[in-house]
């Protein structure tokens, strides 16, 4: 069975994430998500997600009285948030290393 290259790459990346114990969700780009589904993907509370939407940090559309978010917008927000988080952790690690924060047993009592 011939598999298109783009599909093979998706399967490979999903397999890597699963091997690391990370959850994988596959959604079409145009999929519209409820606030609860988007909150679950971002691993935040629904109320916090609604605050992000209301603050304009995450785009959403009103469908009747309900907010709906595009899967691509949620994925982009998650990627940006994770990149910022990793950068902050890298800076914190660097600062700790600069002051020998990881040296064991060197602290005066």
PDB file of N, CA and C in Angstrom:
ATOM      1  N   UNK A   1       0.843  -1.177   0.000  1.00  0.00           N
ATOM      2  CA  UNK A   1       0.000   0.000   0.000  1.00  0.00           C
ATOM      3  C   UNK A   1       0.888   1.240   0.000  1.00  0.00           C
ATOM      4  N   UNK A   2       0.693   2.119  -0.971  1.00  0.00           N
ATOM      5  CA  UNK A   2       1.442   3.365  -1.038  1.00  0.00           C
ATOM      6  C   UNK A   2       0.772   4.406  -0.155  1.00  0.00           C
ATOM      7  N   UNK A   3       1.582   5.049   0.668  1.00  0.00           N
ATOM      8  CA  UNK A   3       1.097   6.092   1.566  1.00  0.00           C
ATOM      9  C   UNK A   3       1.738   7.403   1.131  1.00  0.00           C
ATOM     10  N   UNK A   4       0.930   8.457   0.947  1.00  0.00           N
ATOM     11  CA  UNK A   4       1.515   9.755   0.584  1.00  0.00           C
ATOM     12  C   UNK A   4       2.533  10.217   1.632  1.00  0.00           C
ATOM     13  N   UNK A   5       3.565  10.913   1.198  1.00  0.00           N
ATOM     14  CA  UNK A   5       4.635  11.361   2.091  1.00  0.00           C
ATOM     15  C   UNK A   5       4.106  12.180   3.259  1.00  0.00           C
ATOM     16  N   UNK A   6       3.162  13.069   3.005  1.00  0.00           N
ATOM     17  CA  UNK A   6       2.635  13.915   4.073  1.00  0.00           C
ATOM     18  C   UNK A   6       1.937  13.068   5.139  1.00  0.00           C
ATOM     19  N   UNK A   7       1.237  12.024   4.728  1.00  0.00           N
ATOM     20  CA  UNK A   7       0.577  11.132   5.690  1.00  0.00           C
ATOM     21  C   UNK A   7       1.612  10.335   6.475  1.00  0.00           C
ATOM     22  N   UNK A   8       2.657   9.881   5.804  1.00  0.00           N
ATOM     23  CA  UNK A   8       3.715   9.140   6.486  1.00  0.00           C
ATOM     24  C   UNK A   8       4.368  10.013   7.561  1.00  0.00           C
ATOM     25  N   UNK A   9       4.578  11.298   7.262  1.00  0.00           N
ATOM     26  CA  UNK A   9       5.175  12.212   8.243  1.00  0.00           C
ATOM     27  C   UNK A   9       4.255  12.408   9.441  1.00  0.00           C
ATOM     28  N   UNK A  10       2.961  12.518   9.200  1.00  0.00           N
ATOM     29  CA  UNK A  10       1.996  12.680  10.292  1.00  0.00           C
ATOM     30  C   UNK A  10       1.993  11.441  11.172  1.00  0.00           C
ATOM     31  N   UNK A  11       1.973  10.279  10.558  1.00  0.00           N
ATOM     32  CA  UNK A  11       1.969   9.025  11.318  1.00  0.00           C
ATOM     33  C   UNK A  11       3.253   8.896  12.128  1.00  0.00           C
ATOM     34  N   UNK A  12       4.388   9.241  11.519  1.00  0.00           N
ATOM     35  CA  UNK A  12       5.669   9.169  12.224  1.00  0.00           C
ATOM     36  C   UNK A  12       5.681  10.094  13.433  1.00  0.00           C
ATOM     37  N   UNK A  13       5.216  11.345  13.245  1.00  0.00           N
ATOM     38  CA  UNK A  13       5.213  12.298  14.357  1.00  0.00           C
ATOM     39  C   UNK A  13       4.255  11.845  15.455  1.00  0.00           C
ATOM     40  N   UNK A  14       3.087  11.333  15.077  1.00  0.00           N
ATOM     41  CA  UNK A  14       2.134  10.825  16.067  1.00  0.00           C
ATOM     42  C   UNK A  14       2.748   9.664  16.845  1.00  0.00           C
ATOM     43  N   UNK A  15       3.446   8.775  16.159  1.00  0.00           N
ATOM     44  CA  UNK A  15       4.094   7.642  16.824  1.00  0.00           C
ATOM     45  C   UNK A  15       5.162   8.114  17.807  1.00  0.00           C
ATOM     46  N   UNK A  16       5.922   9.147  17.436  1.00  0.00           N
ATOM     47  CA  UNK A  16       6.938   9.695  18.348  1.00  0.00           C
ATOM     48  C   UNK A  16       6.284  10.252  19.603  1.00  0.00           C
ATOM     49  N   UNK A  17       5.215  11.026  19.432  1.00  0.00           N
ATOM     50  CA  UNK A  17       4.522  11.590  20.590  1.00  0.00           C
ATOM     51  C   UNK A  17       3.955  10.497  21.483  1.00  0.00           C
ATOM     52  N   UNK A  18       3.349   9.498  20.891  1.00  0.00           N
ATOM     53  CA  UNK A  18       2.779   8.401  21.673  1.00  0.00           C
ATOM     54  C   UNK A  18       3.867   7.642  22.419  1.00  0.00           C
ATOM     55  N   UNK A  19       5.019   7.447  21.790  1.00  0.00           N
ATOM     56  CA  UNK A  19       6.136   6.770  22.447  1.00  0.00           C
ATOM     57  C   UNK A  19       6.640   7.557  23.650  1.00  0.00           C
ATOM     58  N   UNK A  20       6.508   8.893  23.601  1.00  0.00           N
ATOM     59  CA  UNK A  20       6.906   9.751  24.718  1.00  0.00           C
ATOM     60  C   UNK A  20       5.816   9.830  25.782  1.00  0.00           C
ATOM     61  N   UNK A  21       4.682   9.185  25.519  1.00  0.00           N
ATOM     62  CA  UNK A  21       3.570   9.229  26.474  1.00  0.00           C
ATOM     63  C   UNK A  21       2.713  10.462  26.337  1.00  0.00           C
ATOM     64  N   UNK A  22       2.880  11.185  25.242  1.00  0.00           N
ATOM     65  CA  UNK A  22       2.101  12.407  25.019  1.00  0.00           C
ATOM     66  C   UNK A  22       0.836  12.057  24.238  1.00  0.00           C
ATOM     67  N   UNK A  23      -0.285  12.684  24.571  1.00  0.00           N
ATOM     68  CA  UNK A  23      -1.516  12.406  23.829  1.00  0.00           C
ATOM     69  C   UNK A  23      -1.479  13.009  22.425  1.00  0.00           C
ATOM     70  N   UNK A  24      -2.213  12.408  21.518  1.00  0.00           N
ATOM     71  CA  UNK A  24      -2.273  12.869  20.132  1.00  0.00           C
ATOM     72  C   UNK A  24      -3.738  13.028  19.746  1.00  0.00           C
ATOM     73  N   UNK A  25      -4.049  14.173  19.115  1.00  0.00           N
ATOM     74  CA  UNK A  25      -5.377  14.425  18.596  1.00  0.00           C
ATOM     75  C   UNK A  25      -5.243  14.812  17.134  1.00  0.00           C
ATOM     76  N   UNK A  26      -6.047  14.211  16.287  1.00  0.00           N
ATOM     77  CA  UNK A  26      -6.030  14.535  14.871  1.00  0.00           C
ATOM     78  C   UNK A  26      -7.370  15.170  14.521  1.00  0.00           C
ATOM     79  N   UNK A  27      -7.312  16.412  14.035  1.00  0.00           N
ATOM     80  CA  UNK A  27      -8.517  17.153  13.669  1.00  0.00           C
ATOM     81  C   UNK A  27      -8.301  17.833  12.326  1.00  0.00           C
ATOM     82  N   UNK A  28      -9.349  17.937  11.534  1.00  0.00           N
ATOM     83  CA  UNK A  28      -9.209  18.730  10.307  1.00  0.00           C
ATOM     84  C   UNK A  28      -9.014  20.203  10.665  1.00  0.00           C
ATOM     85  N   UNK A  29      -8.246  20.920   9.834  1.00  0.00           N
ATOM     86  CA  UNK A  29      -7.957  22.329  10.108  1.00  0.00           C
ATOM     87  C   UNK A  29      -9.211  23.168  10.302  1.00  0.00           C
ATOM     88  N   UNK A  30     -10.239  22.900   9.535  1.00  0.00           N
ATOM     89  CA  UNK A  30     -11.444  23.728   9.597  1.00  0.00           C
ATOM     90  C   UNK A  30     -12.401  23.312  10.715  1.00  0.00           C
ATOM     91  N   UNK A  31     -12.030  22.310  11.502  1.00  0.00           N
ATOM     92  CA  UNK A  31     -12.890  21.833  12.594  1.00  0.00           C
ATOM     93  C   UNK A  31     -13.160  22.963  13.591  1.00  0.00           C
ATOM     94  N   UNK A  32     -14.407  23.109  13.966  1.00  0.00           N
ATOM     95  CA  UNK A  32     -14.793  24.093  14.974  1.00  0.00           C
ATOM     96  C   UNK A  32     -14.972  23.357  16.303  1.00  0.00           C
ATOM     97  N   UNK A  33     -14.352  23.883  17.345  1.00  0.00           N
ATOM     98  CA  UNK A  33     -14.348  23.235  18.648  1.00  0.00           C
ATOM     99  C   UNK A  33     -15.192  24.011  19.648  1.00  0.00           C
ATOM    100  N   UNK A  34     -15.800  23.298  20.564  1.00  0.00           N
ATOM    101  CA  UNK A  34     -16.473  23.946  21.687  1.00  0.00           C
ATOM    102  C   UNK A  34     -15.402  24.468  22.640  1.00  0.00           C
ATOM    103  N   UNK A  35     -15.790  25.326  23.559  1.00  0.00           N
ATOM    104  CA  UNK A  35     -14.823  25.841  24.523  1.00  0.00           C
ATOM    105  C   UNK A  35     -14.274  24.710  25.388  1.00  0.00           C
ATOM    106  N   UNK A  36     -15.105  23.722  25.713  1.00  0.00           N
ATOM    107  CA  UNK A  36     -14.625  22.607  26.531  1.00  0.00           C
ATOM    108  C   UNK A  36     -13.620  21.757  25.774  1.00  0.00           C
ATOM    109  N   UNK A  37     -13.891  21.480  24.493  1.00  0.00           N
ATOM    110  CA  UNK A  37     -12.947  20.691  23.686  1.00  0.00           C
ATOM    111  C   UNK A  37     -11.619  21.431  23.533  1.00  0.00           C
ATOM    112  N   UNK A  38     -11.675  22.733  23.289  1.00  0.00           N
ATOM    113  CA  UNK A  38     -10.456  23.531  23.163  1.00  0.00           C
ATOM    114  C   UNK A  38      -9.700  23.564  24.487  1.00  0.00           C
ATOM    115  N   UNK A  39     -10.420  23.704  25.593  1.00  0.00           N
ATOM    116  CA  UNK A  39      -9.790  23.712  26.917  1.00  0.00           C
ATOM    117  C   UNK A  39      -9.103  22.372  27.182  1.00  0.00           C
ATOM    118  N   UNK A  40      -9.740  21.286  26.780  1.00  0.00           N
ATOM    119  CA  UNK A  40      -9.138  19.964  26.971  1.00  0.00           C
ATOM    120  C   UNK A  40      -7.839  19.841  26.172  1.00  0.00           C
ATOM    121  N   UNK A  41      -7.813  20.342  24.954  1.00  0.00           N
ATOM    122  CA  UNK A  41      -6.609  20.285  24.121  1.00  0.00           C
ATOM    123  C   UNK A  41      -5.488  21.108  24.752  1.00  0.00           C
ATOM    124  N   UNK A  42      -5.840  22.265  25.308  1.00  0.00           N
ATOM    125  CA  UNK A  42      -4.842  23.141  25.927  1.00  0.00           C
ATOM    126  C   UNK A  42      -4.528  22.757  27.373  1.00  0.00           C
ATOM    127  N   UNK A  43      -5.287  21.811  27.905  1.00  0.00           N
ATOM    128  CA  UNK A  43      -5.123  21.376  29.293  1.00  0.00           C
ATOM    129  C   UNK A  43      -5.307  22.529  30.282  1.00  0.00           C
ATOM    130  N   UNK A  44      -6.357  23.303  30.051  1.00  0.00           N
ATOM    131  CA  UNK A  44      -6.731  24.400  30.943  1.00  0.00           C
ATOM    132  C   UNK A  44      -8.219  24.261  31.259  1.00  0.00           C
ATOM    133  N   UNK A  45      -8.687  25.024  32.215  1.00  0.00           N
ATOM    134  CA  UNK A  45     -10.118  24.982  32.521  1.00  0.00           C
ATOM    135  C   UNK A  45     -10.908  25.722  31.441  1.00  0.00           C
ATOM    136  N   UNK A  46     -12.160  25.364  31.309  1.00  0.00           N
ATOM    137  CA  UNK A  46     -13.014  26.036  30.338  1.00  0.00           C
ATOM    138  C   UNK A  46     -13.144  27.514  30.681  1.00  0.00           C
ATOM    139  N   UNK A  47     -13.258  27.830  31.966  1.00  0.00           N
ATOM    140  CA  UNK A  47     -13.389  29.222  32.387  1.00  0.00           C
ATOM    141  C   UNK A  47     -12.154  30.034  32.005  1.00  0.00           C
ATOM    142  N   UNK A  48     -10.965  29.458  32.157  1.00  0.00           N
ATOM    143  CA  UNK A  48      -9.743  30.152  31.785  1.00  0.00           C
ATOM    144  C   UNK A  48      -9.705  30.383  30.274  1.00  0.00           C
ATOM    145  N   UNK A  49     -10.118  29.373  29.510  1.00  0.00           N
ATOM    146  CA  UNK A  49     -10.149  29.511  28.062  1.00  0.00           C
ATOM    147  C   UNK A  49     -11.103  30.626  27.652  1.00  0.00           C
ATOM    148  N   UNK A  50     -12.260  30.703  28.280  1.00  0.00           N
ATOM    149  CA  UNK A  50     -13.231  31.763  27.968  1.00  0.00           C
ATOM    150  C   UNK A  50     -12.606  33.129  28.264  1.00  0.00           C
ATOM    151  N   UNK A  51     -11.835  33.240  29.342  1.00  0.00           N
ATOM    152  CA  UNK A  51     -11.159  34.502  29.647  1.00  0.00           C
ATOM    153  C   UNK A  51     -10.151  34.867  28.565  1.00  0.00           C
ATOM    154  N   UNK A  52      -9.429  33.862  28.044  1.00  0.00           N
ATOM    155  CA  UNK A  52      -8.489  34.109  26.944  1.00  0.00           C
ATOM    156  C   UNK A  52      -9.221  34.631  25.710  1.00  0.00           C
ATOM    157  N   UNK A  53     -10.370  34.027  25.414  1.00  0.00           N
ATOM    158  CA  UNK A  53     -11.174  34.459  24.266  1.00  0.00           C
ATOM    159  C   UNK A  53     -11.676  35.882  24.494  1.00  0.00           C
ATOM    160  N   UNK A  54     -12.225  36.137  25.670  1.00  0.00           N
ATOM    161  CA  UNK A  54     -12.775  37.464  25.972  1.00  0.00           C
ATOM    162  C   UNK A  54     -11.706  38.547  25.971  1.00  0.00           C
ATOM    163  N   UNK A  55     -10.459  38.166  26.306  1.00  0.00           N
ATOM    164  CA  UNK A  55      -9.346  39.125  26.311  1.00  0.00           C
ATOM    165  C   UNK A  55      -8.759  39.309  24.913  1.00  0.00           C
ATOM    166  N   UNK A  56      -9.238  38.540  23.931  1.00  0.00           N
ATOM    167  CA  UNK A  56      -8.740  38.662  22.573  1.00  0.00           C
ATOM    168  C   UNK A  56      -7.447  37.908  22.312  1.00  0.00           C
ATOM    169  N   UNK A  57      -7.016  37.072  23.256  1.00  0.00           N
ATOM    170  CA  UNK A  57      -5.773  36.321  23.081  1.00  0.00           C
ATOM    171  C   UNK A  57      -5.971  35.077  22.219  1.00  0.00           C
ATOM    172  N   UNK A  58      -7.211  34.653  22.079  1.00  0.00           N
ATOM    173  CA  UNK A  58      -7.535  33.463  21.296  1.00  0.00           C
ATOM    174  C   UNK A  58      -8.812  33.759  20.520  1.00  0.00           C
ATOM    175  N   UNK A  59      -8.751  33.709  19.187  1.00  0.00           N
ATOM    176  CA  UNK A  59      -9.937  34.056  18.397  1.00  0.00           C
ATOM    177  C   UNK A  59     -11.034  33.000  18.517  1.00  0.00           C
ATOM    178  N   UNK A  60     -12.276  33.472  18.490  1.00  0.00           N
ATOM    179  CA  UNK A  60     -13.439  32.579  18.535  1.00  0.00           C
ATOM    180  C   UNK A  60     -14.578  33.242  17.786  1.00  0.00           C
ATOM    181  N   UNK A  61     -15.531  32.437  17.409  1.00  0.00           N
ATOM    182  CA  UNK A  61     -16.734  32.920  16.737  1.00  0.00           C
ATOM    183  C   UNK A  61     -17.938  32.551  17.594  1.00  0.00           C
ATOM    184  N   UNK A  62     -18.906  33.418  17.568  1.00  0.00           N
ATOM    185  CA  UNK A  62     -20.148  33.113  18.276  1.00  0.00           C
ATOM    186  C   UNK A  62     -21.078  32.376  17.318  1.00  0.00           C
ATOM    187  N   UNK A  63     -21.579  31.237  17.762  1.00  0.00           N
ATOM    188  CA  UNK A  63     -22.573  30.472  17.018  1.00  0.00           C
ATOM    189  C   UNK A  63     -23.776  30.392  17.947  1.00  0.00           C
ATOM    190  N   UNK A  64     -24.749  31.251  17.676  1.00  0.00           N
ATOM    191  CA  UNK A  64     -25.845  31.393  18.629  1.00  0.00           C
ATOM    192  C   UNK A  64     -25.292  32.046  19.884  1.00  0.00           C
ATOM    193  N   UNK A  65     -25.455  31.379  21.020  1.00  0.00           N
ATOM    194  CA  UNK A  65     -24.919  31.917  22.272  1.00  0.00           C
ATOM    195  C   UNK A  65     -23.640  31.193  22.697  1.00  0.00           C
ATOM    196  N   UNK A  66     -23.084  30.375  21.800  1.00  0.00           N
ATOM    197  CA  UNK A  66     -21.900  29.575  22.130  1.00  0.00           C
ATOM    198  C   UNK A  66     -20.679  30.044  21.352  1.00  0.00           C
ATOM    199  N   UNK A  67     -19.533  30.003  22.034  1.00  0.00           N
ATOM    200  CA  UNK A  67     -18.268  30.326  21.379  1.00  0.00           C
ATOM    201  C   UNK A  67     -17.747  29.068  20.690  1.00  0.00           C
ATOM    202  N   UNK A  68     -17.208  29.230  19.495  1.00  0.00           N
ATOM    203  CA  UNK A  68     -16.577  28.131  18.774  1.00  0.00           C
ATOM    204  C   UNK A  68     -15.197  28.586  18.320  1.00  0.00           C
ATOM    205  N   UNK A  69     -14.224  27.695  18.438  1.00  0.00           N
ATOM    206  CA  UNK A  69     -12.842  28.019  18.101  1.00  0.00           C
ATOM    207  C   UNK A  69     -12.370  27.088  16.994  1.00  0.00           C
ATOM    208  N   UNK A  70     -11.607  27.644  16.059  1.00  0.00           N
ATOM    209  CA  UNK A  70     -11.042  26.826  14.988  1.00  0.00           C
ATOM    210  C   UNK A  70      -9.891  25.992  15.552  1.00  0.00           C
ATOM    211  N   UNK A  71      -9.827  24.749  15.115  1.00  0.00           N
ATOM    212  CA  UNK A  71      -8.767  23.850  15.571  1.00  0.00           C
ATOM    213  C   UNK A  71      -7.390  24.427  15.262  1.00  0.00           C
ATOM    214  N   UNK A  72      -7.251  25.084  14.097  1.00  0.00           N
ATOM    215  CA  UNK A  72      -5.953  25.659  13.730  1.00  0.00           C
ATOM    216  C   UNK A  72      -5.552  26.788  14.680  1.00  0.00           C
ATOM    217  N   UNK A  73      -6.529  27.587  15.123  1.00  0.00           N
ATOM    218  CA  UNK A  73      -6.226  28.666  16.067  1.00  0.00           C
ATOM    219  C   UNK A  73      -5.800  28.104  17.418  1.00  0.00           C
ATOM    220  N   UNK A  74      -6.475  27.047  17.859  1.00  0.00           N
ATOM    221  CA  UNK A  74      -6.124  26.420  19.135  1.00  0.00           C
ATOM    222  C   UNK A  74      -4.730  25.805  19.044  1.00  0.00           C
ATOM    223  N   UNK A  75      -4.440  25.125  17.939  1.00  0.00           N
ATOM    224  CA  UNK A  75      -3.116  24.511  17.757  1.00  0.00           C
ATOM    225  C   UNK A  75      -2.023  25.575  17.709  1.00  0.00           C
ATOM    226  N   UNK A  76      -2.279  26.689  17.025  1.00  0.00           N
ATOM    227  CA  UNK A  76      -1.287  27.769  16.938  1.00  0.00           C
ATOM    228  C   UNK A  76      -1.053  28.394  18.314  1.00  0.00           C
ATOM    229  N   UNK A  77      -2.125  28.609  19.078  1.00  0.00           N
ATOM    230  CA  UNK A  77      -1.998  29.166  20.421  1.00  0.00           C
ATOM    231  C   UNK A  77      -1.173  28.228  21.295  1.00  0.00           C
ATOM    232  N   UNK A  78      -1.455  26.933  21.202  1.00  0.00           N
ATOM    233  CA  UNK A  78      -0.733  25.937  22.003  1.00  0.00           C
ATOM    234  C   UNK A  78       0.748  25.908  21.634  1.00  0.00           C
ATOM    235  N   UNK A  79       1.051  25.930  20.347  1.00  0.00           N
ATOM    236  CA  UNK A  79       2.448  25.915  19.910  1.00  0.00           C
ATOM    237  C   UNK A  79       3.187  27.153  20.408  1.00  0.00           C
ATOM    238  N   UNK A  80       2.537  28.328  20.315  1.00  0.00           N
ATOM    239  CA  UNK A  80       3.151  29.571  20.777  1.00  0.00           C
ATOM    240  C   UNK A  80       3.354  29.543  22.287  1.00  0.00           C
ATOM    241  N   UNK A  81       2.342  29.091  23.007  1.00  0.00           N
ATOM    242  CA  UNK A  81       2.435  29.021  24.471  1.00  0.00           C
ATOM    243  C   UNK A  81       3.547  28.071  24.884  1.00  0.00           C
ATOM    244  N   UNK A  82       3.627  26.902  24.235  1.00  0.00           N
ATOM    245  CA  UNK A  82       4.649  25.921  24.580  1.00  0.00           C
ATOM    246  C   UNK A  82       6.049  26.436  24.257  1.00  0.00           C
ATOM    247  N   UNK A  83       6.194  27.163  23.146  1.00  0.00           N
ATOM    248  CA  UNK A  83       7.492  27.733  22.788  1.00  0.00           C
ATOM    249  C   UNK A  83       7.925  28.769  23.830  1.00  0.00           C
ATOM    250  N   UNK A  84       6.996  29.624  24.254  1.00  0.00           N
ATOM    251  CA  UNK A  84       7.312  30.622  25.284  1.00  0.00           C
ATOM    252  C   UNK A  84       7.681  29.938  26.599  1.00  0.00           C
ATOM    253  N   UNK A  85       6.949  28.895  26.948  1.00  0.00           N
ATOM    254  CA  UNK A  85       7.208  28.161  28.191  1.00  0.00           C
ATOM    255  C   UNK A  85       8.593  27.524  28.142  1.00  0.00           C
ATOM    256  N   UNK A  86       8.928  26.878  27.026  1.00  0.00           N
ATOM    257  CA  UNK A  86      10.238  26.240  26.898  1.00  0.00           C
ATOM    258  C   UNK A  86      11.366  27.262  26.939  1.00  0.00           C
ATOM    259  N   UNK A  87      11.151  28.423  26.318  1.00  0.00           N
ATOM    260  CA  UNK A  87      12.153  29.480  26.343  1.00  0.00           C
ATOM    261  C   UNK A  87      12.376  29.977  27.768  1.00  0.00           C
ATOM    262  N   UNK A  88      11.299  30.178  28.505  1.00  0.00           N
ATOM    263  CA  UNK A  88      11.412  30.639  29.892  1.00  0.00           C
ATOM    264  C   UNK A  88      12.132  29.595  30.744  1.00  0.00           C
ATOM    265  N   UNK A  89      11.824  28.328  30.537  1.00  0.00           N
ATOM    266  CA  UNK A  89      12.498  27.266  31.292  1.00  0.00           C
ATOM    267  C   UNK A  89      13.984  27.203  30.944  1.00  0.00           C
ATOM    268  N   UNK A  90      14.313  27.399  29.678  1.00  0.00           N
ATOM    269  CA  UNK A  90      15.723  27.421  29.270  1.00  0.00           C
ATOM    270  C   UNK A  90      16.465  28.569  29.946  1.00  0.00           C
ATOM    271  N   UNK A  91      15.825  29.763  29.985  1.00  0.00           N
ATOM    272  CA  UNK A  91      16.451  30.913  30.649  1.00  0.00           C
ATOM    273  C   UNK A  91      16.632  30.644  32.142  1.00  0.00           C
ATOM    274  N   UNK A  92      15.624  30.061  32.775  1.00  0.00           N
ATOM    275  CA  UNK A  92      15.705  29.759  34.206  1.00  0.00           C
ATOM    276  C   UNK A  92      16.815  28.748  34.477  1.00  0.00           C
ATOM    277  N   UNK A  93      16.920  27.741  33.639  1.00  0.00           N
ATOM    278  CA  UNK A  93      17.979  26.746  33.785  1.00  0.00           C
ATOM    279  C   UNK A  93      19.350  27.399  33.635  1.00  0.00           C
ATOM    280  N   UNK A  94      19.479  28.268  32.647  1.00  0.00           N
ATOM    281  CA  UNK A  94      20.749  28.959  32.419  1.00  0.00           C
ATOM    282  C   UNK A  94      21.123  29.824  33.624  1.00  0.00           C
ATOM    283  N   UNK A  95      20.150  30.561  34.144  1.00  0.00           N
ATOM    284  CA  UNK A  95      20.421  31.391  35.323  1.00  0.00           C
ATOM    285  C   UNK A  95      20.818  30.539  36.518  1.00  0.00           C
ATOM    286  N   UNK A  96      20.157  29.426  36.710  1.00  0.00           N
ATOM    287  CA  UNK A  96      20.494  28.538  37.827  1.00  0.00           C
ATOM    288  C   UNK A  96      21.886  27.965  37.676  1.00  0.00           C
ATOM    289  N   UNK A  97      22.254  27.611  36.448  1.00  0.00           N
ATOM    290  CA  UNK A  97      23.595  27.084  36.207  1.00  0.00           C
ATOM    291  C   UNK A  97      24.654  28.158  36.438  1.00  0.00           C
ATOM    292  N   UNK A  98      24.334  29.411  36.075  1.00  0.00           N
ATOM    293  CA  UNK A  98      25.293  30.509  36.246  1.00  0.00           C
ATOM    294  C   UNK A  98      25.643  30.747  37.708  1.00  0.00           C
ATOM    295  N   UNK A  99      24.712  30.483  38.602  1.00  0.00           N
ATOM    296  CA  UNK A  99      24.966  30.716  40.030  1.00  0.00           C
ATOM    297  C   UNK A  99      25.171  29.406  40.785  1.00  0.00           C
ATOM    298  N   UNK A 100      25.547  28.357  40.046  1.00  0.00           N
ATOM    299  CA  UNK A 100      25.779  27.032  40.628  1.00  0.00           C
ATOM    300  C   UNK A 100      24.575  26.518  41.397  1.00  0.00           C
ATOM    301  N   UNK A 101      23.410  26.819  40.896  1.00  0.00           N
ATOM    302  CA  UNK A 101      22.172  26.389  41.559  1.00  0.00           C
ATOM    303  C   UNK A 101      21.970  24.898  41.548  1.00  0.00           C
ATOM    304  N   UNK A 102      22.704  24.189  40.693  1.00  0.00           N
ATOM    305  CA  UNK A 102      22.555  22.746  40.636  1.00  0.00           C
ATOM    306  C   UNK A 102      23.660  21.999  41.366  1.00  0.00           C
ATOM    307  N   UNK A 103      24.591  22.737  41.971  1.00  0.00           N
ATOM    308  CA  UNK A 103      25.670  22.088  42.726  1.00  0.00           C
ATOM    309  C   UNK A 103      25.099  21.566  44.045  1.00  0.00           C
ATOM    310  N   UNK A 104      25.329  20.298  44.308  1.00  0.00           N
ATOM    311  CA  UNK A 104      24.804  19.674  45.525  1.00  0.00           C
ATOM    312  C   UNK A 104      25.813  19.814  46.659  1.00  0.00           C
ATOM    313  N   UNK A 105      25.311  20.105  47.830  1.00  0.00           N
ATOM    314  CA  UNK A 105      26.150  20.110  49.019  1.00  0.00           C
ATOM    315  C   UNK A 105      27.061  21.299  49.169  1.00  0.00           C
ATOM    316  N   UNK A 106      26.946  22.326  48.358  1.00  0.00           N
ATOM    317  CA  UNK A 106      27.824  23.487  48.446  1.00  0.00           C
ATOM    318  C   UNK A 106      27.214  24.629  49.220  1.00  0.00           C
ATOM    319  N   UNK A 107      26.037  24.469  49.732  1.00  0.00           N
ATOM    320  CA  UNK A 107      25.364  25.573  50.403  1.00  0.00           C
ATOM    321  C   UNK A 107      25.725  25.589  51.890  1.00  0.00           C
ATOM    322  N   UNK A 108      26.071  26.784  52.419  1.00  0.00           N
ATOM    323  CA  UNK A 108      26.371  26.878  53.848  1.00  0.00           C
ATOM    324  C   UNK A 108      25.095  26.657  54.662  1.00  0.00           C
ATOM    325  N   UNK A 109      25.296  26.119  55.849  1.00  0.00           N
ATOM    326  CA  UNK A 109      24.145  25.832  56.710  1.00  0.00           C
ATOM    327  C   UNK A 109      24.047  26.813  57.820  1.00  0.00           C
TER     328      UNK A 109
END
